[in-house]
Protein backbone atom coordinates (compact mmCIF):
# COMPACT_ATOMS: atom_id res chain seq x y z
CA MET A 1 27.12 -33.33 133.12
CA THR A 2 29.14 -30.88 135.20
CA ARG A 3 32.25 -29.31 133.72
CA THR A 4 34.68 -27.07 135.59
CA ALA A 5 36.81 -24.33 134.12
CA ARG A 6 40.42 -24.18 135.32
CA PRO A 7 42.77 -21.25 134.64
CA ARG A 8 45.43 -21.94 132.01
CA HIS A 9 48.77 -20.36 131.23
CA TYR A 10 49.33 -19.59 127.55
CA LEU A 11 52.04 -18.15 125.35
CA MET A 12 51.03 -16.24 122.22
CA CYS A 13 52.71 -14.22 119.47
CA ARG A 14 51.10 -11.20 117.81
CA PRO A 15 50.90 -11.63 113.99
CA THR A 16 52.68 -8.34 113.32
CA HIS A 17 54.57 -9.82 110.35
CA PHE A 18 51.90 -12.25 109.18
CA GLU A 19 51.71 -12.96 105.47
CA VAL A 20 51.50 -15.94 103.15
CA SER A 21 54.63 -15.69 101.04
CA TYR A 22 55.25 -19.42 100.61
CA ALA A 23 53.20 -22.64 100.66
CA ILE A 24 54.16 -25.48 103.00
CA ASN A 25 50.67 -26.87 103.63
CA PRO A 26 47.52 -27.28 101.50
CA TRP A 27 45.84 -24.23 103.05
CA MET A 28 48.52 -21.72 102.04
CA ASP A 29 48.25 -19.88 98.71
CA PRO A 30 50.62 -16.92 98.16
CA ALA A 31 48.37 -15.75 95.30
CA LYS A 32 45.55 -14.95 97.73
CA PRO A 33 45.75 -11.51 99.35
CA VAL A 34 46.31 -11.37 103.11
CA ASP A 35 45.09 -8.53 105.32
CA THR A 36 47.68 -8.35 108.10
CA ALA A 37 45.74 -5.69 110.01
CA LEU A 38 42.68 -7.93 110.05
CA ALA A 39 44.81 -10.88 111.18
CA VAL A 40 46.09 -8.78 114.09
CA ALA A 41 42.56 -7.67 115.03
CA GLN A 42 41.28 -11.26 115.02
CA TRP A 43 44.26 -12.42 117.06
CA GLU A 44 43.74 -9.61 119.58
CA ARG A 45 40.16 -10.70 120.13
CA LEU A 46 41.38 -14.23 120.89
CA TYR A 47 43.96 -12.84 123.32
CA GLU A 48 41.31 -10.67 125.01
CA LEU A 49 38.94 -13.62 125.31
CA TYR A 50 41.54 -15.70 127.12
CA VAL A 51 42.10 -12.86 129.58
CA GLU A 52 38.34 -12.47 130.07
CA LEU A 53 38.11 -16.19 130.86
CA GLY A 54 40.70 -15.78 133.61
CA HIS A 55 43.72 -17.26 131.87
CA ARG A 56 47.25 -15.94 132.10
CA VAL A 57 48.68 -15.02 128.71
CA ASP A 58 52.35 -14.21 128.11
CA LEU A 59 53.62 -12.81 124.83
CA ILE A 60 56.74 -13.53 122.79
CA ASP A 61 57.99 -10.79 120.47
CA PRO A 62 57.31 -11.49 116.78
CA LEU A 63 60.42 -11.49 114.60
CA PRO A 64 60.60 -10.04 111.07
CA GLY A 65 60.85 -12.67 108.38
CA LEU A 66 58.97 -15.30 110.43
CA PRO A 67 55.33 -14.84 109.36
CA ASP A 68 54.25 -18.17 110.87
CA MET A 69 55.59 -17.33 114.33
CA VAL A 70 51.99 -16.42 115.27
CA TYR A 71 51.32 -20.17 115.41
CA ALA A 72 52.80 -20.41 118.89
CA ALA A 73 51.63 -23.97 119.50
CA ASN A 74 54.32 -25.17 117.10
CA GLY A 75 57.08 -23.45 119.07
CA ALA A 76 57.55 -25.98 121.89
CA THR A 77 55.90 -28.57 124.14
CA VAL A 78 55.80 -27.75 127.85
CA VAL A 79 55.09 -30.46 130.44
CA ASP A 80 55.76 -30.14 134.19
CA GLY A 81 57.92 -27.08 133.59
CA ARG A 82 60.17 -28.92 131.09
CA VAL A 83 60.33 -27.41 127.62
CA LEU A 84 60.99 -29.56 124.57
CA GLY A 85 61.96 -27.20 121.78
CA ALA A 86 60.71 -27.54 118.23
CA ARG A 87 62.72 -28.57 115.19
CA PHE A 88 60.83 -27.79 111.99
CA ARG A 89 60.82 -29.87 108.83
CA ASN A 90 60.55 -26.84 106.54
CA ALA A 91 63.43 -24.36 106.22
CA GLU A 92 60.99 -21.44 106.15
CA ARG A 93 60.12 -22.03 109.81
CA ALA A 94 63.48 -23.28 111.12
CA ALA A 95 64.36 -20.11 113.04
CA GLU A 96 61.16 -20.23 115.09
CA GLY A 97 62.36 -23.14 117.23
CA PRO A 98 65.42 -21.34 118.65
CA ALA A 99 63.41 -18.15 119.19
CA TYR A 100 60.82 -19.90 121.34
CA LEU A 101 63.42 -21.95 123.19
CA GLU A 102 65.36 -18.79 124.07
CA TRP A 103 62.19 -17.23 125.50
CA PHE A 104 61.80 -20.16 127.88
CA ARG A 105 65.52 -20.32 128.77
CA ALA A 106 65.50 -16.65 129.68
CA ARG A 107 62.75 -17.40 132.20
CA GLY A 108 64.52 -20.28 133.90
CA PHE A 109 62.74 -23.27 132.38
CA THR A 110 64.51 -26.60 131.91
CA THR A 111 64.85 -26.93 128.13
CA LEU A 112 65.99 -29.36 125.45
CA ASP A 113 67.02 -28.41 121.93
CA PRO A 114 65.85 -31.47 119.99
CA VAL A 115 67.88 -33.46 117.48
CA HIS A 116 64.89 -34.85 115.58
CA VAL A 117 61.94 -33.16 113.91
CA ASN A 118 59.01 -32.34 116.15
CA GLU A 119 56.72 -29.38 115.60
CA GLY A 120 55.70 -28.69 119.17
CA GLU A 121 52.09 -28.94 120.22
CA GLY A 122 51.17 -29.10 116.58
CA ASP A 123 51.98 -32.81 116.83
CA LEU A 124 52.30 -33.45 120.60
CA LEU A 125 49.08 -33.26 122.61
CA LEU A 126 48.92 -34.14 126.31
CA THR A 127 46.17 -36.09 128.06
CA ASP A 128 46.29 -37.11 131.72
CA ARG A 129 47.89 -40.46 130.79
CA TYR A 130 49.56 -40.05 127.43
CA LEU A 131 51.39 -37.77 125.06
CA LEU A 132 49.58 -38.25 121.76
CA ALA A 133 52.06 -37.80 118.92
CA GLY A 134 51.27 -37.23 115.25
CA ARG A 135 53.54 -38.30 112.40
CA GLY A 136 53.38 -38.69 108.66
CA PHE A 137 53.77 -35.14 107.35
CA ARG A 138 55.92 -33.18 109.84
CA SER A 139 57.07 -34.77 113.12
CA VAL A 140 58.88 -38.13 113.05
CA SER A 141 58.99 -41.21 115.28
CA ALA A 142 62.53 -40.43 116.46
CA GLY A 143 61.22 -37.08 117.66
CA HIS A 144 58.48 -38.90 119.57
CA ALA A 145 61.08 -41.04 121.34
CA GLU A 146 63.03 -37.90 122.20
CA ALA A 147 59.87 -36.37 123.67
CA GLN A 148 59.13 -39.44 125.78
CA GLU A 149 62.66 -39.54 127.19
CA PHE A 150 62.76 -35.84 128.07
CA LEU A 151 59.17 -35.27 129.18
CA GLY A 152 58.71 -38.62 130.94
CA ARG A 153 55.26 -39.31 129.53
CA PRO A 154 54.28 -42.41 127.53
CA VAL A 155 53.97 -41.52 123.87
CA ILE A 156 51.26 -42.91 121.61
CA GLY A 157 52.26 -42.53 117.94
CA LEU A 158 49.41 -41.75 115.54
CA ASP A 159 49.76 -41.83 111.75
CA LEU A 160 48.19 -38.95 109.82
CA VAL A 161 47.25 -39.85 106.24
CA ASP A 162 45.36 -36.84 104.84
CA PRO A 163 47.58 -33.87 103.87
CA ARG A 164 44.81 -31.41 104.79
CA PHE A 165 45.40 -32.47 108.39
CA TYR A 166 49.18 -32.28 108.40
CA HIS A 167 49.51 -31.63 112.16
CA LEU A 168 47.84 -33.63 114.90
CA ASP A 169 46.18 -30.50 116.28
CA THR A 170 44.20 -30.13 113.05
CA ALA A 171 42.76 -33.64 113.43
CA LEU A 172 42.46 -34.16 117.20
CA SER A 173 42.02 -32.06 120.31
CA VAL A 174 42.30 -32.83 124.02
CA LEU A 175 39.27 -31.30 125.68
CA ASP A 176 40.03 -32.20 129.29
CA GLY A 177 41.85 -35.00 131.11
CA GLU A 178 41.21 -38.09 128.99
CA GLN A 179 38.39 -36.57 126.92
CA ILE A 180 39.44 -36.11 123.31
CA MET A 181 37.73 -35.13 120.06
CA TYR A 182 38.94 -36.21 116.62
CA TYR A 183 38.17 -36.74 112.93
CA PRO A 184 38.66 -40.45 112.13
CA GLY A 185 39.34 -39.88 108.43
CA ALA A 186 42.60 -38.09 109.18
CA PHE A 187 44.19 -41.25 110.62
CA SER A 188 45.41 -44.61 109.36
CA ALA A 189 43.28 -47.67 110.09
CA GLY A 190 45.68 -48.82 112.80
CA SER A 191 45.71 -45.43 114.49
CA ARG A 192 41.91 -45.29 114.43
CA ALA A 193 41.86 -48.66 116.18
CA VAL A 194 44.27 -47.38 118.84
CA LEU A 195 42.16 -44.29 119.43
CA ARG A 196 38.97 -46.37 119.75
CA ARG A 197 40.66 -48.65 122.28
CA LEU A 198 42.21 -45.89 124.40
CA PHE A 199 39.37 -43.35 124.13
CA PRO A 200 36.06 -45.19 123.66
CA ASP A 201 34.12 -42.10 124.78
CA ALA A 202 35.81 -39.69 122.36
CA VAL A 203 33.77 -37.04 120.57
CA LEU A 204 33.85 -37.78 116.83
CA VAL A 205 33.78 -35.00 114.25
CA GLY A 206 32.82 -35.15 110.58
CA GLU A 207 34.84 -34.05 107.57
CA GLU A 208 33.06 -30.73 107.03
CA ASP A 209 33.79 -29.51 110.55
CA ALA A 210 37.34 -30.86 110.40
CA GLU A 211 37.93 -28.89 107.20
CA ALA A 212 36.69 -25.78 109.04
CA PHE A 213 39.53 -26.41 111.55
CA GLY A 214 36.91 -27.37 114.12
CA LEU A 215 39.44 -29.56 115.91
CA ASN A 216 41.98 -26.76 116.29
CA VAL A 217 40.55 -25.58 119.60
CA ALA A 218 41.60 -24.55 123.10
CA GLY A 219 39.67 -25.48 126.22
CA ASP A 220 39.83 -25.04 129.99
CA GLY A 221 37.61 -27.93 131.07
CA LEU A 222 34.39 -26.01 130.45
CA ASN A 223 34.89 -23.32 127.83
CA VAL A 224 36.15 -24.46 124.43
CA VAL A 225 37.21 -21.77 121.97
CA ILE A 226 36.51 -22.95 118.42
CA PRO A 227 36.51 -21.50 114.89
CA GLU A 228 33.09 -19.95 114.20
CA PRO A 229 32.31 -21.97 111.05
CA ALA A 230 32.55 -25.29 112.93
CA THR A 231 28.88 -25.31 113.94
CA GLY A 232 28.68 -29.10 114.12
CA VAL A 233 31.53 -29.15 116.62
CA ALA A 234 29.72 -26.55 118.73
CA ALA A 235 26.63 -28.75 118.89
CA ARG A 236 28.62 -31.84 119.84
CA LEU A 237 30.47 -29.96 122.56
CA ARG A 238 27.22 -28.67 124.07
CA ALA A 239 25.86 -32.21 124.11
CA HIS A 240 28.87 -33.25 126.18
CA GLY A 241 28.49 -30.43 128.71
CA TYR A 242 31.05 -28.01 127.29
CA ARG A 243 30.52 -24.33 126.50
CA PRO A 244 31.74 -23.61 122.95
CA ILE A 245 32.80 -20.07 122.11
CA GLY A 246 33.08 -19.23 118.42
CA MET A 247 35.98 -17.14 117.21
CA ASP A 248 36.63 -15.63 113.77
CA LEU A 249 40.24 -16.34 112.78
CA SER A 250 39.54 -16.54 109.06
CA GLU A 251 42.57 -14.47 108.10
CA LEU A 252 44.99 -16.64 110.05
CA LEU A 253 43.41 -19.74 108.51
CA LYS A 254 45.05 -18.63 105.25
CA GLY A 255 48.33 -19.76 106.81
CA GLY A 256 46.88 -23.10 107.88
CA GLY A 257 46.14 -22.37 111.53
CA SER A 258 43.36 -21.39 113.91
CA VAL A 259 42.68 -21.22 117.65
CA LYS A 260 44.99 -23.95 118.95
CA CYS A 261 47.77 -23.08 116.51
CA CYS A 262 47.90 -19.61 118.08
CA THR A 263 47.99 -20.98 121.63
CA LEU A 264 50.91 -22.71 123.36
CA GLU A 265 50.06 -24.04 126.81
CA ILE A 266 52.65 -23.58 129.54
CA ARG A 267 52.30 -26.38 132.08
CA GLU A 268 54.30 -25.45 135.15
CA ALA A 269 56.17 -27.92 137.35
CA VAL A 270 53.96 -29.52 140.00
């Protein structure tokens, strides 16, 4: 099976102010110590890897008081040069949406400040045909409708039912085109049926690898950057012709995020 790497354009945010001072997902525990310097070092290795792979990486300045701003994927959804801003459910992250939207506005992108809750690429993942949209813990159906109207892509709503997988990008990843990978246990019975019908050739992942954030990945059509502990995911990817690259982001996992969470894809107008 031949896979081809294609250069991507990413936006990232250095975890200069990273800490876990509140808990808004099951992975966050303010009682556990956080090593911010280690978080920065791990993030820098991810940034360097993307550059080594030939991808363009832009940076947004981290803002004091927004420790989760490192999770750039939540900041917006960018399709064909159109930027749907994020509106967060939790007050602790509310200021991130305007900060990311201003970055895009300053660079001439067409933007929309949303009315309804959507948490960017955390819950909106693009395939060639569809915009897969998670709901149940953060983003809402009205936000999905807003995304479809602005981005002009058909939205497929998927219900998340396990609080460990509170964002779609913790339970499902788009590897390339129409090739996806997901953990069935994170979804309602109806959503599993939809996924089986639309993506009969999907790569399925077990609970252990899903808990290791093995679905929170970033790929370019050949190379797929994954959390190091997700060894089962690595094996499945190799079997499907991909080249998995393990990355240690253990410190950032304390905030409930890994590779994809740190990586917002900028899809230019075509």
